[in-house]
Every structure is written in structure tokens, then in C-alpha cells.
Amino acid sequence: MVFTCSDSTDTWEVPFTLLTTAEVRIVFSKDGYVPTVKKVWVNYNYQNGTASQPSSISVELHQFSYQSIRVAQSGTGSFTTISEALDFVYALTDSPEYNDESIRIIVFPGNYNENL
């Protein structure tokens, strides 16, 4: 099976094998851009061995800026949960590329039921 994913400049085909119903987490990375996380439910039909998934996934990549890490439940940010954004920031601050710059996470309106 293949996910077809695209943004304004690129298209990706993401092959996968799945034998159960599950949420699939896809991380899109591109030099100079914040990684973008998409979660997609794939329903597996045990009777006929087929799976249903979205025919395409729209991806919005944002140029990397320490001042503009976006969280939006609608999928228009780089992350859909605050936890994912914080995990990214923790990994970023532990990396040798980080030089003590200030970081701003922009959280768009929504109900974020998370334990942080």
C-alpha cells in the first residue's frame, strides 16, 4: 500500500505494510524546514485482506525558525499536539546545532487534552 502526500512544491509516495487497524505516524523532513508530523488511521479488513486509507495527504511544510514552531489540531502546523512540539524542542536543544537561541511555540486555537 502507498500513501500519496504532497505540499505546494513536492509529492511523496510513502509505501507501507500493515496487517492490523492502526494509527500511522508519518514525519516529513526537508532541509531548512521544521519536520511536519501527520497521523492517519488505516482500517484493515481481516476478511478480505484490504486496508482503507486516505487517497492523499496534504502536507504544509514551514521554513525553520526558532520563533515559529507551529501547533495546530487542524493539521496546518508542523505538529498537531503540544507534546510533539515539545519533544522536537527538547531534541533540538540537545543537538550541537543549537546555540541558545530563544524558541517560540505558537499554539493555534483548539482543545489540547494532554499531560505535559
N, C-alpha and C. Protein backbone atom coordinates (compact mmCIF):
# COMPACT_ATOMS: atom_id res chain seq x y z
N MET A 1 0.84 -1.16 0.00
CA MET A 1 0.00 0.00 0.00
C MET A 1 0.89 1.23 0.00
N VAL A 2 0.34 2.35 -0.47
CA VAL A 2 1.12 3.58 -0.60
C VAL A 2 0.27 4.77 -0.19
N PHE A 3 0.84 5.66 0.64
CA PHE A 3 0.25 6.97 0.88
C PHE A 3 0.81 7.90 -0.17
N THR A 4 -0.01 8.72 -0.78
CA THR A 4 0.46 9.78 -1.65
C THR A 4 0.31 11.08 -0.88
N CYS A 5 1.42 11.80 -0.72
CA CYS A 5 1.44 13.01 0.09
C CYS A 5 2.03 14.14 -0.74
N SER A 6 1.52 15.36 -0.53
CA SER A 6 2.06 16.47 -1.30
C SER A 6 1.97 17.77 -0.54
N ASP A 7 2.89 18.69 -0.89
CA ASP A 7 2.80 20.06 -0.43
C ASP A 7 2.81 20.94 -1.67
N SER A 8 3.07 22.23 -1.54
CA SER A 8 2.99 23.12 -2.69
C SER A 8 4.09 22.89 -3.72
N THR A 9 5.18 22.21 -3.34
CA THR A 9 6.29 22.03 -4.28
C THR A 9 6.68 20.58 -4.56
N ASP A 10 6.32 19.65 -3.68
CA ASP A 10 6.78 18.27 -3.82
C ASP A 10 5.64 17.28 -3.63
N THR A 11 5.85 16.07 -4.15
CA THR A 11 4.94 14.95 -3.91
C THR A 11 5.79 13.76 -3.46
N TRP A 12 5.29 13.06 -2.44
CA TRP A 12 5.98 11.88 -1.93
C TRP A 12 5.06 10.69 -2.01
N GLU A 13 5.63 9.54 -2.24
CA GLU A 13 4.89 8.29 -2.10
C GLU A 13 5.52 7.54 -0.95
N VAL A 14 4.70 7.18 0.04
CA VAL A 14 5.19 6.52 1.24
C VAL A 14 4.64 5.10 1.26
N PRO A 15 5.46 4.11 0.89
CA PRO A 15 4.97 2.72 0.92
C PRO A 15 4.92 2.21 2.36
N PHE A 16 3.97 1.34 2.64
CA PHE A 16 3.88 0.76 3.98
C PHE A 16 3.19 -0.59 3.91
N THR A 17 3.45 -1.42 4.91
CA THR A 17 2.79 -2.71 5.06
C THR A 17 2.10 -2.69 6.41
N LEU A 18 0.85 -3.10 6.43
CA LEU A 18 0.08 -3.06 7.66
C LEU A 18 -0.85 -4.25 7.70
N LEU A 19 -0.89 -4.96 8.82
CA LEU A 19 -1.75 -6.13 8.95
C LEU A 19 -2.77 -5.99 10.07
N THR A 20 -2.98 -4.76 10.51
CA THR A 20 -3.97 -4.51 11.55
C THR A 20 -4.44 -3.06 11.44
N THR A 21 -5.57 -2.75 12.01
CA THR A 21 -6.04 -1.37 12.04
C THR A 21 -5.14 -0.60 13.00
N ALA A 22 -4.66 0.55 12.56
CA ALA A 22 -3.73 1.31 13.39
C ALA A 22 -3.65 2.76 12.95
N GLU A 23 -3.15 3.58 13.87
CA GLU A 23 -2.82 4.96 13.54
C GLU A 23 -1.38 4.96 13.05
N VAL A 24 -1.14 5.52 11.87
CA VAL A 24 0.19 5.57 11.28
C VAL A 24 0.72 7.00 11.44
N ARG A 25 1.93 7.13 11.93
CA ARG A 25 2.56 8.43 12.14
C ARG A 25 3.63 8.61 11.07
N ILE A 26 3.49 9.67 10.27
CA ILE A 26 4.45 9.95 9.19
C ILE A 26 5.12 11.28 9.51
N VAL A 27 6.45 11.31 9.44
CA VAL A 27 7.20 12.54 9.68
C VAL A 27 7.83 12.97 8.36
N PHE A 28 7.52 14.18 7.92
CA PHE A 28 8.06 14.73 6.69
C PHE A 28 9.20 15.68 7.05
N SER A 29 10.37 15.47 6.46
CA SER A 29 11.53 16.31 6.73
C SER A 29 12.09 16.83 5.42
N LYS A 30 12.56 18.06 5.48
CA LYS A 30 13.16 18.69 4.31
C LYS A 30 14.15 19.72 4.84
N ASP A 31 15.35 19.79 4.28
CA ASP A 31 16.36 20.74 4.75
C ASP A 31 15.79 22.15 4.80
N GLY A 32 16.01 22.83 5.94
CA GLY A 32 15.56 24.20 6.10
C GLY A 32 14.13 24.34 6.57
N TYR A 33 13.44 23.21 6.81
CA TYR A 33 12.04 23.24 7.23
C TYR A 33 11.87 22.49 8.54
N VAL A 34 10.86 22.88 9.31
CA VAL A 34 10.51 22.17 10.54
C VAL A 34 9.89 20.83 10.13
N PRO A 35 10.30 19.73 10.75
CA PRO A 35 9.64 18.45 10.43
C PRO A 35 8.14 18.56 10.68
N THR A 36 7.36 17.97 9.80
CA THR A 36 5.91 18.00 9.93
C THR A 36 5.40 16.59 10.18
N VAL A 37 4.57 16.46 11.20
CA VAL A 37 4.05 15.16 11.61
C VAL A 37 2.59 15.05 11.17
N LYS A 38 2.25 13.95 10.52
CA LYS A 38 0.86 13.65 10.16
C LYS A 38 0.50 12.29 10.74
N LYS A 39 -0.70 12.20 11.30
CA LYS A 39 -1.20 10.93 11.81
C LYS A 39 -2.42 10.55 10.99
N VAL A 40 -2.46 9.30 10.55
CA VAL A 40 -3.53 8.82 9.69
C VAL A 40 -4.01 7.47 10.19
N TRP A 41 -5.31 7.28 10.29
CA TRP A 41 -5.87 5.98 10.65
C TRP A 41 -6.02 5.13 9.41
N VAL A 42 -5.53 3.90 9.48
CA VAL A 42 -5.69 2.94 8.41
C VAL A 42 -6.52 1.79 8.97
N ASN A 43 -7.63 1.49 8.33
CA ASN A 43 -8.51 0.41 8.78
C ASN A 43 -8.25 -0.84 7.95
N TYR A 44 -7.89 -1.91 8.63
CA TYR A 44 -7.58 -3.17 7.96
C TYR A 44 -8.80 -4.09 8.03
N ASN A 45 -9.17 -4.65 6.88
CA ASN A 45 -10.30 -5.58 6.80
C ASN A 45 -9.73 -7.00 6.81
N TYR A 46 -9.93 -7.71 7.92
CA TYR A 46 -9.38 -9.06 8.07
C TYR A 46 -10.02 -10.06 7.12
N GLN A 47 -11.27 -9.83 6.74
CA GLN A 47 -11.99 -10.79 5.90
C GLN A 47 -11.43 -10.86 4.49
N ASN A 48 -11.11 -9.71 3.91
CA ASN A 48 -10.60 -9.75 2.53
C ASN A 48 -9.15 -9.27 2.40
N GLY A 49 -8.51 -8.93 3.53
CA GLY A 49 -7.09 -8.56 3.49
C GLY A 49 -6.81 -7.21 2.86
N THR A 50 -7.77 -6.30 2.88
CA THR A 50 -7.55 -4.98 2.30
C THR A 50 -7.54 -3.93 3.40
N ALA A 51 -7.01 -2.77 3.07
CA ALA A 51 -6.96 -1.66 4.02
C ALA A 51 -7.52 -0.42 3.36
N SER A 52 -8.19 0.40 4.15
CA SER A 52 -8.67 1.68 3.62
C SER A 52 -7.88 2.78 4.30
N GLN A 53 -7.40 3.69 3.49
CA GLN A 53 -6.64 4.83 3.98
C GLN A 53 -6.97 6.03 3.10
N PRO A 54 -6.63 7.24 3.53
CA PRO A 54 -6.90 8.40 2.69
C PRO A 54 -6.21 8.27 1.35
N SER A 55 -6.84 8.73 0.29
CA SER A 55 -6.22 8.64 -1.04
C SER A 55 -5.04 9.60 -1.16
N SER A 56 -5.07 10.71 -0.43
CA SER A 56 -3.93 11.62 -0.43
C SER A 56 -3.88 12.36 0.90
N ILE A 57 -2.71 12.84 1.24
CA ILE A 57 -2.49 13.56 2.49
C ILE A 57 -1.86 14.90 2.12
N SER A 58 -2.47 15.98 2.55
CA SER A 58 -1.93 17.32 2.29
C SER A 58 -0.94 17.66 3.40
N VAL A 59 0.22 18.15 3.01
CA VAL A 59 1.28 18.47 3.96
C VAL A 59 1.65 19.93 3.79
N GLU A 60 1.79 20.64 4.91
CA GLU A 60 2.22 22.03 4.87
C GLU A 60 3.55 22.12 5.61
N LEU A 61 4.64 22.33 4.87
CA LEU A 61 5.97 22.46 5.48
C LEU A 61 6.25 23.94 5.73
N HIS A 62 6.79 24.24 6.91
CA HIS A 62 7.10 25.62 7.28
C HIS A 62 8.60 25.78 7.40
N GLN A 63 9.13 26.87 6.81
CA GLN A 63 10.56 27.11 6.90
C GLN A 63 10.97 27.18 8.36
N PHE A 64 12.14 26.62 8.64
CA PHE A 64 12.59 26.54 10.02
C PHE A 64 12.88 27.92 10.58
N SER A 65 12.33 28.18 11.76
CA SER A 65 12.61 29.38 12.52
C SER A 65 12.41 29.03 13.99
N TYR A 66 13.37 29.39 14.82
CA TYR A 66 13.21 29.15 16.26
C TYR A 66 12.01 29.92 16.81
N GLN A 67 11.58 30.94 16.09
CA GLN A 67 10.49 31.80 16.56
C GLN A 67 9.12 31.40 16.01
N SER A 68 9.06 30.33 15.27
CA SER A 68 7.79 29.98 14.63
C SER A 68 7.59 28.48 14.53
N ILE A 69 7.55 27.80 15.67
CA ILE A 69 7.23 26.37 15.70
C ILE A 69 5.73 26.29 15.95
N ARG A 70 4.98 25.73 14.99
CA ARG A 70 3.53 25.82 14.99
C ARG A 70 2.85 24.52 15.42
N VAL A 71 1.82 24.68 16.27
CA VAL A 71 0.99 23.55 16.70
C VAL A 71 -0.45 23.89 16.33
N ALA A 72 -1.08 23.02 15.55
CA ALA A 72 -2.48 23.23 15.16
C ALA A 72 -3.17 21.88 15.00
N GLN A 73 -4.26 21.70 15.72
CA GLN A 73 -5.00 20.44 15.62
C GLN A 73 -5.53 20.21 14.22
N SER A 74 -5.73 21.27 13.46
CA SER A 74 -6.29 21.15 12.10
C SER A 74 -5.30 20.53 11.12
N GLY A 75 -4.02 20.43 11.53
CA GLY A 75 -3.01 19.87 10.63
C GLY A 75 -2.28 20.92 9.83
N THR A 76 -2.58 22.20 10.03
CA THR A 76 -1.91 23.26 9.27
C THR A 76 -0.60 23.70 9.90
N GLY A 77 -0.28 23.20 11.09
CA GLY A 77 1.01 23.48 11.71
C GLY A 77 1.96 22.34 11.43
N SER A 78 3.15 22.43 11.99
CA SER A 78 4.11 21.33 11.85
C SER A 78 3.76 20.18 12.77
N PHE A 79 3.05 20.48 13.86
CA PHE A 79 2.67 19.46 14.83
C PHE A 79 1.19 19.61 15.17
N THR A 80 0.54 18.50 15.51
CA THR A 80 -0.87 18.55 15.89
C THR A 80 -1.06 18.48 17.40
N THR A 81 0.02 18.21 18.14
CA THR A 81 -0.07 18.20 19.60
C THR A 81 1.07 19.03 20.18
N ILE A 82 0.83 19.57 21.36
CA ILE A 82 1.86 20.33 22.06
C ILE A 82 3.00 19.39 22.44
N SER A 83 2.68 18.15 22.82
CA SER A 83 3.70 17.17 23.20
C SER A 83 4.71 16.93 22.08
N GLU A 84 4.21 16.81 20.84
CA GLU A 84 5.12 16.59 19.71
C GLU A 84 6.05 17.78 19.53
N ALA A 85 5.51 18.99 19.66
CA ALA A 85 6.34 20.19 19.51
C ALA A 85 7.39 20.25 20.62
N LEU A 86 6.99 19.93 21.85
CA LEU A 86 7.96 19.94 22.96
C LEU A 86 9.04 18.87 22.77
N ASP A 87 8.65 17.69 22.29
CA ASP A 87 9.64 16.65 22.01
C ASP A 87 10.66 17.13 20.98
N PHE A 88 10.17 17.83 19.94
CA PHE A 88 11.05 18.38 18.92
C PHE A 88 12.01 19.40 19.54
N VAL A 89 11.47 20.29 20.37
CA VAL A 89 12.30 21.32 21.01
C VAL A 89 13.34 20.70 21.93
N TYR A 90 12.94 19.68 22.72
CA TYR A 90 13.91 19.01 23.60
C TYR A 90 15.05 18.40 22.78
N ALA A 91 14.71 17.73 21.69
CA ALA A 91 15.75 17.13 20.84
C ALA A 91 16.62 18.21 20.20
N LEU A 92 15.99 19.31 19.79
CA LEU A 92 16.72 20.41 19.17
C LEU A 92 17.72 21.03 20.14
N THR A 93 17.30 21.28 21.38
CA THR A 93 18.19 21.92 22.35
C THR A 93 19.33 21.00 22.80
N ASP A 94 19.16 19.70 22.59
CA ASP A 94 20.24 18.75 22.91
C ASP A 94 21.22 18.56 21.75
N SER A 95 20.89 19.14 20.59
CA SER A 95 21.73 18.92 19.41
C SER A 95 22.86 19.96 19.35
N PRO A 96 23.96 19.62 18.67
CA PRO A 96 25.09 20.56 18.57
C PRO A 96 24.77 21.80 17.73
N GLU A 97 23.71 21.76 16.92
CA GLU A 97 23.35 22.92 16.09
C GLU A 97 22.72 24.05 16.90
N TYR A 98 22.23 23.74 18.09
CA TYR A 98 21.53 24.73 18.89
C TYR A 98 22.52 25.63 19.62
N ASN A 99 22.32 26.97 19.50
CA ASN A 99 23.24 27.94 20.08
C ASN A 99 22.55 28.86 21.08
N ASP A 100 21.67 28.31 21.91
CA ASP A 100 20.98 29.07 22.96
C ASP A 100 20.07 30.18 22.43
N GLU A 101 19.57 30.02 21.21
CA GLU A 101 18.59 30.99 20.69
C GLU A 101 17.28 30.81 21.44
N SER A 102 16.50 31.89 21.52
CA SER A 102 15.18 31.76 22.14
C SER A 102 14.26 31.00 21.17
N ILE A 103 13.29 30.29 21.74
CA ILE A 103 12.38 29.46 20.95
C ILE A 103 10.95 29.86 21.29
N ARG A 104 10.13 29.99 20.26
CA ARG A 104 8.72 30.31 20.47
C ARG A 104 7.86 29.25 19.80
N ILE A 105 6.93 28.69 20.58
CA ILE A 105 5.97 27.72 20.05
C ILE A 105 4.63 28.44 19.94
N ILE A 106 4.08 28.47 18.75
CA ILE A 106 2.79 29.11 18.50
C ILE A 106 1.73 28.01 18.53
N VAL A 107 0.78 28.12 19.45
CA VAL A 107 -0.29 27.13 19.58
C VAL A 107 -1.58 27.77 19.07
N PHE A 108 -2.12 27.21 18.00
CA PHE A 108 -3.35 27.72 17.42
C PHE A 108 -4.55 27.23 18.24
N PRO A 109 -5.69 27.90 18.15
CA PRO A 109 -6.86 27.54 18.96
C PRO A 109 -7.27 26.08 18.77
N GLY A 110 -7.72 25.49 19.88
CA GLY A 110 -8.17 24.10 19.86
C GLY A 110 -8.23 23.58 21.28
N ASN A 111 -8.75 22.39 21.46
CA ASN A 111 -8.78 21.72 22.75
C ASN A 111 -7.67 20.68 22.78
N TYR A 112 -6.63 20.95 23.53
CA TYR A 112 -5.47 20.07 23.62
C TYR A 112 -5.53 19.35 24.96
N ASN A 113 -6.05 18.14 24.95
CA ASN A 113 -6.15 17.34 26.17
C ASN A 113 -4.91 16.48 26.30
N GLU A 114 -3.88 17.03 26.93
CA GLU A 114 -2.60 16.35 27.03
C GLU A 114 -2.04 16.47 28.44
N ASN A 115 -1.23 15.53 28.80
CA ASN A 115 -0.47 15.61 30.04
C ASN A 115 0.95 16.00 29.67
N LEU A 116 1.34 17.19 30.05
CA LEU A 116 2.67 17.69 29.68
C LEU A 116 3.63 17.60 30.84
